[in-house]
Structure formats: structure tokens, C-alpha cells
Amino acid sequence: MDNNIMSNELESMKAQLALLKDKLEKQEIVNERHLRKAIKGKLGEINRIAVRMMFVGLFAVVYCTWLLDYMGFTPYLQIGTLVMLLSSTFATYVMHRNLLKAKELSADLVKETFDLVKLKKRYNRWFYFAIPMIFVWLSSVVYEVVNVIPGKELAASLLCGITVGALAGGIVGVKIHFRTLKKVDEMLAQIEELSK
């Protein structure tokens, strides 16, 4: 009788363990799906930002080329502006190229991690290159406004516009830079959790 009771209890415990194991496996699958969905959302957001920045860069190439020529700035500033805008747009494409191809997280978490770490390094390097480049360009614009543009009132208006535009553009650019890096860090943390 005792053996029969113990056998029943043992079978009941085995059934409960199997049920618990099944629940844990399902929970892991749900957690993995949830993490992959969160990572995919962040990847999509980073890609959308990159695509927008590239479109803005291409628009700026056309608009600034026309505007600087129309306002009578020297060809040196026009060419310098064109080179700066094209190189910035191309750099954005190069930095995001691998992630733009990835519509969602692949099964190869090592490759995804490598691409994200590479993007983070490139963003940090580009930031330290872009700031001096923008400073030199802005200095050239101010120099030309003061020395090339006729009329003090027009020059003063342009300098005010340049100041407001530089501040607004700088704030937006820095915000996008650090928001992208934050998303990359979040994705790396989630991939690490997923790979455990």
C-alpha cells in the first residue's frame, strides 16, 4: 500500500515537473520573442533616422548649392559646402549600411553585435571629426558674410540667421547622435540577454 501511494506521489511529482518544464520553455520562447521584437523596433528606429538624415543631406546639397550661388558667395565656399554635405551624407550611409540591409534581427547574434559595436565606434569617431569640420565651415561662412556680402544690414541679418540655424542644427544633431548611441547600447544589452 505504501509503495502504491509513493508511486502515485512520484508520478504526480513527475507530471508537475514536466508541466513546470513545459511552462518554463514556453516562457523562454515568449521572452525571446519579446526581446527580438524590442530589438527589431529599435533597429527600425535607427534605420529610419539614418534614412531621414540621408534625405536631408541630399536636399541640403541641392538647396545650399543654389542658395550660396544665388546670394553671391564665392565658389570656394560653394565647393566646400558641397563637399561637406556630400561627405556627411555618404558617411551616414557607410555607418548604417549593414543595419539598413537587416530588416530584422538575424539568427546570427554575433554578427548583429559586431555590426552594432562597429556602428557605435564609427558614430563616436565621426562626432570628433564632424565638430571641427562644422566649425571650419561656419567660420568660412561668417568670414564671407562679413567680407563678401554687400550691405551691413543684409550681413547682420545673415549672421543672425546663421547663428540661430547653427544652434538649432547643433542641438538636433547632438540629440540624434546620443539618442542613436543610447538605442545601440539598449540593443546590445538585449542581444546579450538573448544570447544567455
N, C-alpha and C. Protein backbone atom coordinates (compact mmCIF):
# COMPACT_ATOMS: atom_id res chain seq x y z
N MET A 1 0.82 -1.20 0.00
CA MET A 1 0.00 0.00 0.00
C MET A 1 0.86 1.26 0.00
N ASP A 2 1.91 1.26 0.88
CA ASP A 2 2.80 2.40 0.95
C ASP A 2 3.53 2.61 -0.38
N ASN A 3 3.91 1.49 -1.00
CA ASN A 3 4.58 1.59 -2.30
C ASN A 3 3.66 2.18 -3.36
N ASN A 4 2.40 1.80 -3.28
CA ASN A 4 1.41 2.29 -4.23
C ASN A 4 1.21 3.80 -4.06
N ILE A 5 1.12 4.26 -2.81
CA ILE A 5 0.94 5.69 -2.52
C ILE A 5 2.17 6.46 -2.98
N MET A 6 3.35 5.91 -2.62
CA MET A 6 4.59 6.58 -3.01
C MET A 6 4.75 6.62 -4.53
N SER A 7 4.32 5.57 -5.19
CA SER A 7 4.40 5.51 -6.64
C SER A 7 3.49 6.57 -7.26
N ASN A 8 2.29 6.71 -6.70
CA ASN A 8 1.35 7.72 -7.18
C ASN A 8 1.89 9.14 -6.96
N GLU A 9 2.47 9.35 -5.76
CA GLU A 9 3.04 10.66 -5.46
C GLU A 9 4.22 10.97 -6.39
N LEU A 10 5.03 9.95 -6.64
CA LEU A 10 6.17 10.11 -7.54
C LEU A 10 5.69 10.44 -8.96
N GLU A 11 4.67 9.75 -9.43
CA GLU A 11 4.11 10.03 -10.75
C GLU A 11 3.52 11.44 -10.80
N SER A 12 2.87 11.85 -9.71
CA SER A 12 2.29 13.19 -9.64
C SER A 12 3.39 14.25 -9.68
N MET A 13 4.47 13.99 -8.95
CA MET A 13 5.59 14.93 -8.95
C MET A 13 6.24 15.01 -10.32
N LYS A 14 6.38 13.87 -11.00
CA LYS A 14 6.95 13.85 -12.35
C LYS A 14 6.08 14.66 -13.31
N ALA A 15 4.76 14.49 -13.17
CA ALA A 15 3.84 15.22 -14.04
C ALA A 15 3.94 16.72 -13.78
N GLN A 16 4.04 17.10 -12.48
CA GLN A 16 4.17 18.51 -12.14
C GLN A 16 5.49 19.10 -12.66
N LEU A 17 6.57 18.31 -12.53
CA LEU A 17 7.87 18.75 -13.06
C LEU A 17 7.83 18.92 -14.58
N ALA A 18 7.18 17.98 -15.27
CA ALA A 18 7.06 18.08 -16.73
C ALA A 18 6.25 19.31 -17.11
N LEU A 19 5.17 19.56 -16.36
CA LEU A 19 4.33 20.74 -16.60
C LEU A 19 5.12 22.03 -16.36
N LEU A 20 5.89 22.04 -15.25
CA LEU A 20 6.71 23.21 -14.93
C LEU A 20 7.78 23.44 -16.00
N LYS A 21 8.42 22.35 -16.45
CA LYS A 21 9.43 22.47 -17.50
C LYS A 21 8.82 23.01 -18.79
N ASP A 22 7.64 22.53 -19.13
CA ASP A 22 6.94 22.99 -20.33
C ASP A 22 6.61 24.49 -20.22
N LYS A 23 6.14 24.90 -19.03
CA LYS A 23 5.82 26.32 -18.82
C LYS A 23 7.07 27.19 -18.94
N LEU A 24 8.19 26.72 -18.36
CA LEU A 24 9.44 27.47 -18.43
C LEU A 24 9.92 27.61 -19.87
N GLU A 25 9.83 26.52 -20.65
CA GLU A 25 10.24 26.58 -22.06
C GLU A 25 9.37 27.56 -22.83
N LYS A 26 8.06 27.53 -22.58
CA LYS A 26 7.16 28.46 -23.25
C LYS A 26 7.47 29.90 -22.84
N GLN A 27 7.78 30.09 -21.54
CA GLN A 27 8.12 31.42 -21.05
C GLN A 27 9.40 31.94 -21.72
N GLU A 28 10.39 31.06 -21.88
CA GLU A 28 11.64 31.44 -22.55
C GLU A 28 11.38 31.84 -24.00
N ILE A 29 10.50 31.09 -24.68
CA ILE A 29 10.15 31.41 -26.07
C ILE A 29 9.46 32.77 -26.14
N VAL A 30 8.53 33.02 -25.19
CA VAL A 30 7.83 34.30 -25.15
C VAL A 30 8.82 35.43 -24.87
N ASN A 31 9.74 35.21 -23.90
CA ASN A 31 10.75 36.23 -23.59
C ASN A 31 11.64 36.50 -24.80
N GLU A 32 12.06 35.43 -25.50
CA GLU A 32 12.91 35.61 -26.68
C GLU A 32 12.17 36.38 -27.76
N ARG A 33 10.90 36.04 -27.98
CA ARG A 33 10.11 36.78 -28.98
C ARG A 33 9.97 38.24 -28.60
N HIS A 34 9.72 38.47 -27.31
CA HIS A 34 9.57 39.84 -26.82
C HIS A 34 10.86 40.64 -27.02
N LEU A 35 12.01 40.03 -26.68
CA LEU A 35 13.30 40.69 -26.86
C LEU A 35 13.58 40.96 -28.33
N ARG A 36 13.32 39.97 -29.18
CA ARG A 36 13.56 40.15 -30.62
C ARG A 36 12.67 41.27 -31.18
N LYS A 37 11.44 41.33 -30.70
CA LYS A 37 10.52 42.38 -31.17
C LYS A 37 11.02 43.76 -30.72
N ALA A 38 11.50 43.85 -29.48
CA ALA A 38 12.03 45.12 -28.97
C ALA A 38 13.27 45.54 -29.75
N ILE A 39 14.15 44.58 -30.03
CA ILE A 39 15.37 44.87 -30.78
C ILE A 39 15.01 45.30 -32.21
N LYS A 40 14.05 44.60 -32.81
CA LYS A 40 13.63 44.94 -34.17
C LYS A 40 13.07 46.37 -34.22
N GLY A 41 12.31 46.75 -33.18
CA GLY A 41 11.76 48.11 -33.12
C GLY A 41 12.86 49.17 -33.05
N LYS A 42 13.86 48.91 -32.22
CA LYS A 42 14.97 49.85 -32.10
C LYS A 42 15.79 49.91 -33.38
N LEU A 43 16.00 48.75 -34.01
CA LEU A 43 16.73 48.70 -35.28
C LEU A 43 15.98 49.51 -36.34
N GLY A 44 14.67 49.35 -36.38
CA GLY A 44 13.85 50.11 -37.33
C GLY A 44 13.94 51.60 -37.08
N GLU A 45 13.96 51.99 -35.80
CA GLU A 45 14.05 53.42 -35.46
C GLU A 45 15.40 54.00 -35.89
N ILE A 46 16.48 53.26 -35.62
CA ILE A 46 17.82 53.71 -36.02
C ILE A 46 17.90 53.84 -37.54
N ASN A 47 17.33 52.86 -38.26
CA ASN A 47 17.36 52.91 -39.72
C ASN A 47 16.53 54.07 -40.27
N ARG A 48 15.38 54.34 -39.65
CA ARG A 48 14.54 55.46 -40.10
C ARG A 48 15.28 56.79 -39.91
N ILE A 49 15.96 56.94 -38.77
CA ILE A 49 16.72 58.17 -38.52
C ILE A 49 17.81 58.32 -39.58
N ALA A 50 18.52 57.23 -39.88
CA ALA A 50 19.60 57.28 -40.87
C ALA A 50 19.06 57.67 -42.25
N VAL A 51 17.95 57.07 -42.65
CA VAL A 51 17.37 57.38 -43.97
C VAL A 51 16.94 58.84 -44.02
N ARG A 52 16.31 59.33 -42.95
CA ARG A 52 15.91 60.74 -42.91
C ARG A 52 17.12 61.65 -43.02
N MET A 53 18.18 61.32 -42.29
CA MET A 53 19.39 62.15 -42.34
C MET A 53 19.99 62.16 -43.74
N MET A 54 19.94 61.03 -44.43
CA MET A 54 20.48 60.99 -45.80
C MET A 54 19.63 61.82 -46.75
N PHE A 55 18.30 61.76 -46.61
CA PHE A 55 17.43 62.58 -47.45
C PHE A 55 17.64 64.07 -47.18
N VAL A 56 17.76 64.43 -45.91
CA VAL A 56 18.02 65.84 -45.55
C VAL A 56 19.36 66.27 -46.14
N GLY A 57 20.37 65.41 -46.06
CA GLY A 57 21.69 65.73 -46.62
C GLY A 57 21.62 65.96 -48.12
N LEU A 58 20.89 65.09 -48.83
CA LEU A 58 20.78 65.26 -50.29
C LEU A 58 19.99 66.51 -50.65
N PHE A 59 18.93 66.79 -49.89
CA PHE A 59 18.17 68.02 -50.11
C PHE A 59 19.06 69.24 -49.87
N ALA A 60 19.85 69.18 -48.78
CA ALA A 60 20.74 70.31 -48.45
C ALA A 60 21.79 70.54 -49.54
N VAL A 61 22.26 69.46 -50.16
CA VAL A 61 23.23 69.60 -51.26
C VAL A 61 22.64 70.47 -52.37
N VAL A 62 21.42 70.14 -52.77
CA VAL A 62 20.77 70.88 -53.86
C VAL A 62 20.43 72.31 -53.43
N TYR A 63 19.80 72.43 -52.27
CA TYR A 63 19.34 73.75 -51.80
C TYR A 63 20.50 74.69 -51.51
N CYS A 64 21.50 74.20 -50.77
CA CYS A 64 22.63 75.07 -50.40
C CYS A 64 23.46 75.47 -51.61
N THR A 65 23.60 74.56 -52.57
CA THR A 65 24.33 74.91 -53.79
C THR A 65 23.63 76.06 -54.50
N TRP A 66 22.32 75.97 -54.63
CA TRP A 66 21.55 77.04 -55.28
C TRP A 66 21.61 78.33 -54.46
N LEU A 67 21.38 78.23 -53.15
CA LEU A 67 21.30 79.41 -52.29
C LEU A 67 22.63 80.17 -52.23
N LEU A 68 23.72 79.46 -52.05
CA LEU A 68 25.03 80.12 -51.97
C LEU A 68 25.39 80.80 -53.28
N ASP A 69 25.03 80.16 -54.40
CA ASP A 69 25.27 80.77 -55.71
C ASP A 69 24.39 82.00 -55.89
N TYR A 70 23.12 81.89 -55.53
CA TYR A 70 22.15 82.98 -55.66
C TYR A 70 22.56 84.20 -54.84
N MET A 71 23.11 83.94 -53.64
CA MET A 71 23.47 85.05 -52.75
C MET A 71 24.85 85.64 -53.05
N GLY A 72 25.59 85.02 -53.95
CA GLY A 72 26.85 85.60 -54.38
C GLY A 72 28.08 85.18 -53.57
N PHE A 73 27.96 84.06 -52.87
CA PHE A 73 29.14 83.57 -52.15
C PHE A 73 30.17 83.04 -53.14
N THR A 74 31.41 82.99 -52.71
CA THR A 74 32.50 82.58 -53.61
C THR A 74 32.38 81.09 -53.96
N PRO A 75 32.93 80.71 -55.10
CA PRO A 75 32.92 79.29 -55.49
C PRO A 75 33.64 78.40 -54.47
N TYR A 76 34.64 78.97 -53.75
CA TYR A 76 35.35 78.17 -52.74
C TYR A 76 34.40 77.70 -51.63
N LEU A 77 33.55 78.62 -51.16
CA LEU A 77 32.58 78.24 -50.12
C LEU A 77 31.53 77.29 -50.69
N GLN A 78 31.12 77.54 -51.90
CA GLN A 78 30.13 76.65 -52.53
C GLN A 78 30.67 75.23 -52.64
N ILE A 79 31.90 75.10 -53.12
CA ILE A 79 32.51 73.77 -53.27
C ILE A 79 32.75 73.13 -51.90
N GLY A 80 33.25 73.95 -50.95
CA GLY A 80 33.48 73.43 -49.60
C GLY A 80 32.19 72.92 -48.96
N THR A 81 31.10 73.67 -49.14
CA THR A 81 29.79 73.26 -48.60
C THR A 81 29.33 71.97 -49.27
N LEU A 82 29.48 71.92 -50.58
CA LEU A 82 29.07 70.73 -51.32
C LEU A 82 29.85 69.49 -50.85
N VAL A 83 31.16 69.64 -50.70
CA VAL A 83 32.00 68.53 -50.23
C VAL A 83 31.59 68.10 -48.83
N MET A 84 31.36 69.07 -47.94
CA MET A 84 30.99 68.76 -46.56
C MET A 84 29.65 68.01 -46.51
N LEU A 85 28.67 68.49 -47.24
CA LEU A 85 27.34 67.86 -47.21
C LEU A 85 27.37 66.46 -47.83
N LEU A 86 28.07 66.33 -48.97
CA LEU A 86 28.16 65.02 -49.61
C LEU A 86 28.92 64.02 -48.74
N SER A 87 30.02 64.47 -48.12
CA SER A 87 30.78 63.55 -47.28
C SER A 87 29.99 63.15 -46.03
N SER A 88 29.21 64.07 -45.48
CA SER A 88 28.38 63.74 -44.31
C SER A 88 27.29 62.74 -44.68
N THR A 89 26.65 62.96 -45.82
CA THR A 89 25.60 62.05 -46.27
C THR A 89 26.17 60.67 -46.58
N PHE A 90 27.32 60.64 -47.24
CA PHE A 90 27.96 59.37 -47.56
C PHE A 90 28.41 58.66 -46.28
N ALA A 91 28.95 59.41 -45.32
CA ALA A 91 29.38 58.81 -44.05
C ALA A 91 28.19 58.19 -43.32
N THR A 92 27.05 58.85 -43.35
CA THR A 92 25.84 58.28 -42.72
C THR A 92 25.48 56.96 -43.38
N TYR A 93 25.53 56.92 -44.71
CA TYR A 93 25.23 55.67 -45.41
C TYR A 93 26.22 54.58 -45.03
N VAL A 94 27.51 54.90 -45.03
CA VAL A 94 28.54 53.89 -44.73
C VAL A 94 28.36 53.37 -43.30
N MET A 95 28.08 54.26 -42.36
CA MET A 95 27.92 53.83 -40.96
C MET A 95 26.73 52.89 -40.78
N HIS A 96 25.67 53.13 -41.53
CA HIS A 96 24.42 52.37 -41.35
C HIS A 96 24.22 51.26 -42.38
N ARG A 97 25.13 51.14 -43.33
CA ARG A 97 24.93 50.24 -44.47
C ARG A 97 24.51 48.83 -44.07
N ASN A 98 25.23 48.20 -43.14
CA ASN A 98 24.90 46.82 -42.76
C ASN A 98 23.56 46.73 -42.04
N LEU A 99 23.26 47.72 -41.21
CA LEU A 99 22.00 47.69 -40.48
C LEU A 99 20.81 48.03 -41.38
N LEU A 100 21.04 48.84 -42.41
CA LEU A 100 19.96 49.15 -43.34
C LEU A 100 19.53 47.91 -44.12
N LYS A 101 20.49 47.00 -44.37
CA LYS A 101 20.16 45.76 -45.08
C LYS A 101 19.36 44.82 -44.19
N ALA A 102 19.59 44.90 -42.88
CA ALA A 102 18.94 43.99 -41.93
C ALA A 102 17.57 44.56 -41.56
N LYS A 103 16.53 43.95 -42.08
CA LYS A 103 15.17 44.40 -41.75
C LYS A 103 14.79 43.99 -40.33
N GLU A 104 15.37 42.89 -39.89
CA GLU A 104 15.14 42.46 -38.52
C GLU A 104 16.36 41.68 -38.04
N LEU A 105 16.34 41.35 -36.78
CA LEU A 105 17.47 40.66 -36.16
C LEU A 105 17.61 39.27 -36.75
N SER A 106 18.82 38.95 -37.21
CA SER A 106 19.05 37.62 -37.79
C SER A 106 19.33 36.62 -36.68
N ALA A 107 19.49 35.38 -37.06
CA ALA A 107 19.81 34.33 -36.09
C ALA A 107 21.26 34.45 -35.63
N ASP A 108 22.08 35.13 -36.42
CA ASP A 108 23.50 35.27 -36.10
C ASP A 108 23.70 36.47 -35.17
N LEU A 109 23.56 36.23 -33.87
CA LEU A 109 23.67 37.31 -32.90
C LEU A 109 25.08 37.88 -32.83
N VAL A 110 26.08 37.06 -33.14
CA VAL A 110 27.46 37.54 -33.12
C VAL A 110 27.65 38.62 -34.19
N LYS A 111 27.10 38.37 -35.40
CA LYS A 111 27.22 39.34 -36.50
C LYS A 111 26.47 40.63 -36.15
N GLU A 112 25.27 40.48 -35.59
CA GLU A 112 24.49 41.66 -35.21
C GLU A 112 25.23 42.49 -34.16
N THR A 113 25.82 41.80 -33.18
CA THR A 113 26.57 42.50 -32.15
C THR A 113 27.76 43.22 -32.76
N PHE A 114 28.46 42.54 -33.67
CA PHE A 114 29.62 43.14 -34.34
C PHE A 114 29.21 44.39 -35.11
N ASP A 115 28.10 44.31 -35.86
CA ASP A 115 27.63 45.47 -36.64
C ASP A 115 27.25 46.64 -35.72
N LEU A 116 26.61 46.34 -34.60
CA LEU A 116 26.22 47.41 -33.68
C LEU A 116 27.42 48.06 -33.00
N VAL A 117 28.39 47.24 -32.60
CA VAL A 117 29.60 47.78 -31.98
C VAL A 117 30.37 48.64 -32.99
N LYS A 118 30.42 48.17 -34.24
CA LYS A 118 31.08 48.93 -35.31
C LYS A 118 30.37 50.26 -35.53
N LEU A 119 29.03 50.25 -35.53
CA LEU A 119 28.26 51.49 -35.70
C LEU A 119 28.57 52.46 -34.56
N LYS A 120 28.62 51.95 -33.35
CA LYS A 120 28.89 52.79 -32.18
C LYS A 120 30.28 53.44 -32.29
N LYS A 121 31.28 52.65 -32.66
CA LYS A 121 32.64 53.20 -32.82
C LYS A 121 32.68 54.25 -33.91
N ARG A 122 32.02 53.97 -35.03
CA ARG A 122 32.01 54.93 -36.14
C ARG A 122 31.31 56.23 -35.74
N TYR A 123 30.21 56.10 -35.01
CA TYR A 123 29.49 57.30 -34.56
C TYR A 123 30.39 58.15 -33.67
N ASN A 124 31.09 57.51 -32.75
CA ASN A 124 31.97 58.26 -31.85
C ASN A 124 33.12 58.91 -32.62
N ARG A 125 33.71 58.19 -33.57
CA ARG A 125 34.80 58.76 -34.37
C ARG A 125 34.30 59.92 -35.22
N TRP A 126 33.15 59.74 -35.86
CA TRP A 126 32.60 60.76 -36.74
C TRP A 126 32.29 62.04 -35.96
N PHE A 127 31.81 61.90 -34.75
CA PHE A 127 31.46 63.06 -33.92
C PHE A 127 32.69 63.96 -33.73
N TYR A 128 33.84 63.35 -33.49
CA TYR A 128 35.06 64.12 -33.26
C TYR A 128 35.65 64.68 -34.55
N PHE A 129 35.24 64.16 -35.68
CA PHE A 129 35.64 64.71 -36.98
C PHE A 129 34.67 65.80 -37.42
N ALA A 130 33.38 65.57 -37.18
CA ALA A 130 32.34 66.49 -37.67
C ALA A 130 32.37 67.84 -36.96
N ILE A 131 32.62 67.85 -35.66
CA ILE A 131 32.61 69.12 -34.92
C ILE A 131 33.64 70.11 -35.48
N PRO A 132 34.93 69.71 -35.64
CA PRO A 132 35.88 70.65 -36.24
C PRO A 132 35.52 71.04 -37.67
N MET A 133 34.99 70.06 -38.44
CA MET A 133 34.62 70.34 -39.83
C MET A 133 33.52 71.41 -39.86
N ILE A 134 32.53 71.30 -39.00
CA ILE A 134 31.44 72.28 -38.96
C ILE A 134 31.97 73.63 -38.49
N PHE A 135 32.87 73.61 -37.52
CA PHE A 135 33.45 74.86 -37.02
C PHE A 135 34.20 75.60 -38.13
N VAL A 136 35.00 74.86 -38.91
CA VAL A 136 35.74 75.48 -40.02
C VAL A 136 34.76 76.03 -41.06
N TRP A 137 33.74 75.25 -41.37
CA TRP A 137 32.76 75.69 -42.37
C TRP A 137 32.02 76.94 -41.89
N LEU A 138 31.58 76.94 -40.63
CA LEU A 138 30.86 78.11 -40.10
C LEU A 138 31.76 79.35 -40.09
N SER A 139 33.02 79.15 -39.75
CA SER A 139 33.97 80.26 -39.76
C SER A 139 34.11 80.83 -41.17
N SER A 140 34.15 79.93 -42.17
CA SER A 140 34.24 80.37 -43.57
C SER A 140 32.99 81.14 -43.99
N VAL A 141 31.84 80.68 -43.56
CA VAL A 141 30.58 81.36 -43.89
C VAL A 141 30.57 82.75 -43.27
N VAL A 142 30.92 82.84 -41.99
CA VAL A 142 30.93 84.14 -41.31
C VAL A 142 31.93 85.08 -41.98
N TYR A 143 33.10 84.57 -42.30
CA TYR A 143 34.12 85.38 -42.99
C TYR A 143 33.56 85.94 -44.30
N GLU A 144 32.90 85.08 -45.07
CA GLU A 144 32.36 85.53 -46.37
C GLU A 144 31.20 86.50 -46.19
N VAL A 145 30.36 86.28 -45.18
CA VAL A 145 29.25 87.21 -44.94
C VAL A 145 29.80 88.60 -44.63
N VAL A 146 30.83 88.64 -43.79
CA VAL A 146 31.40 89.92 -43.38
C VAL A 146 32.17 90.58 -44.53
N ASN A 147 32.89 89.78 -45.33
CA ASN A 147 33.79 90.35 -46.34
C ASN A 147 33.28 90.32 -47.77
N VAL A 148 32.30 89.49 -48.08
CA VAL A 148 31.86 89.35 -49.48
C VAL A 148 30.46 89.94 -49.70
N ILE A 149 29.56 89.71 -48.77
CA ILE A 149 28.18 90.16 -48.94
C ILE A 149 28.11 91.68 -48.77
N PRO A 150 27.58 92.39 -49.78
CA PRO A 150 27.48 93.86 -49.66
C PRO A 150 26.30 94.25 -48.77
N GLY A 151 26.45 95.32 -48.05
CA GLY A 151 25.36 95.82 -47.22
C GLY A 151 25.43 95.27 -45.81
N LYS A 152 25.56 96.18 -44.82
CA LYS A 152 25.71 95.75 -43.43
C LYS A 152 24.42 95.17 -42.87
N GLU A 153 23.28 95.70 -43.32
CA GLU A 153 22.00 95.19 -42.82
C GLU A 153 21.79 93.73 -43.26
N LEU A 154 22.07 93.47 -44.52
CA LEU A 154 21.94 92.11 -45.03
C LEU A 154 22.92 91.17 -44.32
N ALA A 155 24.15 91.65 -44.11
CA ALA A 155 25.16 90.84 -43.42
C ALA A 155 24.73 90.55 -42.00
N ALA A 156 24.18 91.56 -41.30
CA ALA A 156 23.72 91.36 -39.92
C ALA A 156 22.57 90.36 -39.88
N SER A 157 21.65 90.47 -40.82
CA SER A 157 20.52 89.51 -40.88
C SER A 157 21.02 88.09 -41.14
N LEU A 158 21.95 87.97 -42.07
CA LEU A 158 22.51 86.65 -42.36
C LEU A 158 23.23 86.07 -41.15
N LEU A 159 24.00 86.89 -40.45
CA LEU A 159 24.71 86.40 -39.27
C LEU A 159 23.74 85.94 -38.18
N CYS A 160 22.64 86.67 -38.01
CA CYS A 160 21.62 86.24 -37.04
C CYS A 160 21.01 84.90 -37.47
N GLY A 161 20.68 84.79 -38.75
CA GLY A 161 20.12 83.54 -39.26
C GLY A 161 21.08 82.38 -39.13
N ILE A 162 22.36 82.64 -39.41
CA ILE A 162 23.38 81.59 -39.31
C ILE A 162 23.52 81.14 -37.86
N THR A 163 23.51 82.09 -36.93
CA THR A 163 23.64 81.76 -35.51
C THR A 163 22.47 80.90 -35.04
N VAL A 164 21.26 81.31 -35.38
CA VAL A 164 20.07 80.54 -34.98
C VAL A 164 20.09 79.16 -35.63
N GLY A 165 20.41 79.12 -36.93
CA GLY A 165 20.46 77.84 -37.64
C GLY A 165 21.53 76.91 -37.10
N ALA A 166 22.70 77.48 -36.78
CA ALA A 166 23.80 76.66 -36.24
C ALA A 166 23.44 76.09 -34.88
N LEU A 167 22.82 76.92 -34.03
CA LEU A 167 22.42 76.44 -32.70
C LEU A 167 21.35 75.36 -32.80
N ALA A 168 20.33 75.62 -33.63
CA ALA A 168 19.25 74.64 -33.79
C ALA A 168 19.78 73.35 -34.39
N GLY A 169 20.58 73.48 -35.45
CA GLY A 169 21.15 72.29 -36.09
C GLY A 169 22.07 71.53 -35.16
N GLY A 170 22.86 72.27 -34.37
CA GLY A 170 23.76 71.62 -33.42
C GLY A 170 23.00 70.84 -32.35
N ILE A 171 21.95 71.44 -31.82
CA ILE A 171 21.15 70.77 -30.78
C ILE A 171 20.49 69.52 -31.35
N VAL A 172 19.89 69.64 -32.54
CA VAL A 172 19.23 68.48 -33.16
C VAL A 172 20.26 67.39 -33.48
N GLY A 173 21.41 67.79 -34.04
CA GLY A 173 22.43 66.82 -34.39
C GLY A 173 22.98 66.07 -33.19
N VAL A 174 23.28 66.79 -32.11
CA VAL A 174 23.80 66.16 -30.90
C VAL A 174 22.75 65.24 -30.28
N LYS A 175 21.50 65.69 -30.31
CA LYS A 175 20.40 64.87 -29.76
C LYS A 175 20.26 63.57 -30.55
N ILE A 176 20.30 63.65 -31.88
CA ILE A 176 20.21 62.45 -32.72
C ILE A 176 21.41 61.54 -32.47
N HIS A 177 22.58 62.13 -32.35
CA HIS A 177 23.80 61.35 -32.11
C HIS A 177 23.68 60.52 -30.83
N PHE A 178 23.34 61.19 -29.73
CA PHE A 178 23.29 60.47 -28.46
C PHE A 178 22.07 59.56 -28.34
N ARG A 179 20.97 59.91 -29.01
CA ARG A 179 19.81 59.01 -29.00
C ARG A 179 20.13 57.72 -29.75
N THR A 180 20.84 57.84 -30.87
CA THR A 180 21.24 56.65 -31.62
C THR A 180 22.18 55.78 -30.80
N LEU A 181 23.15 56.39 -30.14
CA LEU A 181 24.07 55.62 -29.30
C LEU A 181 23.33 54.94 -28.15
N LYS A 182 22.34 55.61 -27.59
CA LYS A 182 21.54 55.01 -26.50
C LYS A 182 20.78 53.79 -27.02
N LYS A 183 20.18 53.91 -28.20
CA LYS A 183 19.45 52.78 -28.79
C LYS A 183 20.40 51.62 -29.06
N VAL A 184 21.60 51.91 -29.55
CA VAL A 184 22.58 50.86 -29.82
C VAL A 184 22.94 50.15 -28.52
N ASP A 185 23.18 50.92 -27.45
CA ASP A 185 23.51 50.31 -26.15
C ASP A 185 22.37 49.43 -25.65
N GLU A 186 21.13 49.89 -25.81
CA GLU A 186 19.96 49.10 -25.39
C GLU A 186 19.89 47.81 -26.19
N MET A 187 20.12 47.90 -27.51
CA MET A 187 20.08 46.70 -28.35
C MET A 187 21.19 45.72 -27.97
N LEU A 188 22.38 46.23 -27.69
CA LEU A 188 23.48 45.35 -27.30
C LEU A 188 23.16 44.63 -25.99
N ALA A 189 22.56 45.35 -25.04
CA ALA A 189 22.17 44.74 -23.76
C ALA A 189 21.12 43.66 -23.99
N GLN A 190 20.15 43.93 -24.88
CA GLN A 190 19.11 42.94 -25.16
C GLN A 190 19.66 41.73 -25.90
N ILE A 191 20.59 41.95 -26.81
CA ILE A 191 21.21 40.81 -27.52
C ILE A 191 22.00 39.96 -26.53
N GLU A 192 22.69 40.62 -25.61
CA GLU A 192 23.44 39.86 -24.60
C GLU A 192 22.49 39.01 -23.74
N GLU A 193 21.35 39.60 -23.38
CA GLU A 193 20.36 38.86 -22.61
C GLU A 193 19.79 37.70 -23.43
N LEU A 194 19.58 37.94 -24.70
CA LEU A 194 19.03 36.92 -25.60
C LEU A 194 19.99 35.76 -25.80
N SER A 195 21.28 36.07 -25.80
CA SER A 195 22.27 35.02 -26.06
C SER A 195 22.62 34.19 -24.82
N LYS A 196 22.08 34.57 -23.66
CA LYS A 196 22.37 33.79 -22.44
C LYS A 196 21.60 32.49 -22.45
